[in-house]
Amino acid sequence: WCPPCRKFTPKLIEAYSELKKAGHGLQIVFVSNCHTAGKFKTYYEEMPWAAVPYNEVDARERLGEKYNVQGLPKLVFVDKHGKMITEQGVQLVSNAEAASTLANVIWPGKHCP
């Protein structure tokens, strides 16, 4: 339902697929702000990653608060402990010329954790 999200998702899918193919251990978890379960289901069917179930409202709200979600789309990169690396994920993915450039910006000098 969110036009900016619909525009961004294909870019994220491409970057995610390239990073996975290159052997990076990146995981994405979709946290929906869809208004209905049906819209969530339809949109999520396009995605090759995990999602917080639509009916887990408390979890979705807690994550939104923890990572300061105020607008959509929002993409944060976190380490394996949940510590935020950057909340500029949308800009990084949108501006990266290649997935390897993205990986080097997020995890400089090392293989993705």
Protein backbone atom coordinates (compact mmCIF):
# COMPACT_ATOMS: atom_id res chain seq x y z
CA TRP A 1 0.00 0.00 0.00
CA CYS A 2 2.99 2.32 0.50
CA PRO A 3 4.24 3.65 -2.88
CA PRO A 4 7.76 4.50 -1.57
CA CYS A 5 8.01 0.99 -0.09
CA ARG A 6 6.85 -0.62 -3.34
CA LYS A 7 9.49 1.40 -5.22
CA PHE A 8 12.26 0.45 -2.76
CA THR A 9 11.54 -3.27 -2.27
CA PRO A 10 12.83 -4.39 -5.71
CA LYS A 11 16.13 -2.57 -5.04
CA LEU A 12 16.42 -4.27 -1.67
CA ILE A 13 15.63 -7.69 -3.16
CA GLU A 14 18.37 -7.19 -5.76
CA ALA A 15 20.96 -6.08 -3.17
CA TYR A 16 19.97 -8.89 -0.79
CA SER A 17 20.23 -11.51 -3.53
CA GLU A 18 23.67 -10.26 -4.60
CA LEU A 19 24.97 -10.19 -1.02
CA LYS A 20 23.68 -13.70 -0.32
CA LYS A 21 25.16 -14.98 -3.59
CA ALA A 22 28.53 -13.45 -2.58
CA GLY A 23 28.39 -15.44 0.67
CA HIS A 24 27.50 -12.67 3.08
CA GLY A 25 25.53 -13.82 6.13
CA LEU A 26 22.99 -11.04 5.84
CA GLN A 27 19.48 -11.69 7.14
CA ILE A 28 16.49 -9.42 6.59
CA VAL A 29 13.36 -9.45 8.71
CA PHE A 30 10.35 -7.62 7.35
CA VAL A 31 8.35 -5.78 10.00
CA SER A 32 5.08 -4.73 8.44
CA ASN A 33 3.16 -1.56 8.93
CA CYS A 34 0.42 -2.79 6.57
CA HIS A 35 -3.12 -1.89 7.55
CA THR A 36 -4.58 -5.34 6.98
CA ALA A 37 -3.42 -8.95 7.11
CA GLY A 38 -4.40 -9.33 3.46
CA LYS A 39 -2.19 -6.44 2.35
CA PHE A 40 0.64 -7.84 4.46
CA LYS A 41 0.27 -11.29 2.87
CA THR A 42 0.15 -9.91 -0.68
CA TYR A 43 3.19 -7.67 -0.18
CA TYR A 44 5.23 -10.24 1.74
CA GLU A 45 4.78 -12.87 -1.01
CA GLU A 46 7.25 -10.81 -3.09
CA MET A 47 10.01 -11.03 -0.47
CA PRO A 48 12.75 -13.67 -0.16
CA TRP A 49 13.33 -13.14 3.57
CA ALA A 50 11.72 -13.64 6.97
CA ALA A 51 8.98 -11.52 8.53
CA VAL A 52 7.54 -10.85 11.94
CA PRO A 53 4.05 -12.40 11.70
CA TYR A 54 1.36 -9.82 11.09
CA ASN A 55 -0.61 -10.88 14.19
CA GLU A 56 2.39 -10.20 16.49
CA VAL A 57 1.43 -6.57 16.98
CA ASP A 58 3.38 -6.11 20.23
CA ALA A 59 6.61 -7.36 18.65
CA ARG A 60 6.14 -5.11 15.63
CA GLU A 61 5.48 -2.10 17.86
CA ARG A 62 8.49 -2.82 20.11
CA LEU A 63 10.79 -3.11 17.10
CA GLY A 64 9.41 0.11 15.65
CA GLU A 65 10.12 1.92 18.89
CA LYS A 66 13.56 0.35 19.42
CA TYR A 67 14.74 1.31 15.95
CA ASN A 68 13.01 4.70 15.79
CA VAL A 69 10.69 3.97 12.88
CA GLN A 70 8.96 7.23 12.03
CA GLY A 71 8.52 6.99 8.28
CA LEU A 72 8.33 4.37 5.59
CA PRO A 73 10.23 2.69 4.17
CA LYS A 74 12.72 2.26 7.00
CA LEU A 75 15.66 -0.12 6.88
CA VAL A 76 18.08 -0.47 9.75
CA PHE A 77 21.16 -2.65 9.80
CA VAL A 78 21.88 -4.31 13.13
CA ASP A 79 24.60 -6.66 14.27
CA LYS A 80 23.96 -10.15 15.57
CA HIS A 81 23.32 -8.70 19.05
CA GLY A 82 20.63 -6.30 17.85
CA LYS A 83 22.88 -3.23 18.12
CA MET A 84 22.18 -0.74 15.37
CA ILE A 85 24.96 -0.33 12.79
CA THR A 86 23.06 2.30 10.81
CA GLU A 87 19.52 3.48 10.35
CA GLN A 88 20.33 4.85 6.90
CA GLY A 89 19.66 1.54 5.16
CA VAL A 90 17.22 2.88 2.59
CA GLN A 91 19.69 5.53 1.48
CA LEU A 92 22.60 3.06 1.43
CA VAL A 93 20.73 0.50 -0.67
CA SER A 94 19.27 3.15 -2.98
CA ASN A 95 22.64 4.81 -3.60
CA ALA A 96 24.92 1.76 -3.74
CA GLU A 97 26.08 1.03 -7.27
CA ALA A 98 26.69 -2.61 -6.36
CA ALA A 99 26.02 -4.92 -3.44
CA SER A 100 29.77 -5.12 -2.78
CA THR A 101 29.80 -1.33 -2.31
CA LEU A 102 26.94 -1.68 0.16
CA ALA A 103 28.75 -4.43 2.08
CA ASN A 104 31.92 -2.31 2.30
CA VAL A 105 29.99 0.67 3.65
CA ILE A 106 28.16 -1.35 6.29
CA TRP A 107 30.98 -3.73 7.23
CA PRO A 108 34.18 -1.94 6.17
CA GLY A 109 37.17 -4.17 5.59
CA LYS A 110 35.51 -7.44 6.56
CA HIS A 111 33.08 -10.09 5.46
CA CYS A 112 29.50 -9.40 6.57
CA PRO A 113 28.92 -10.75 10.11
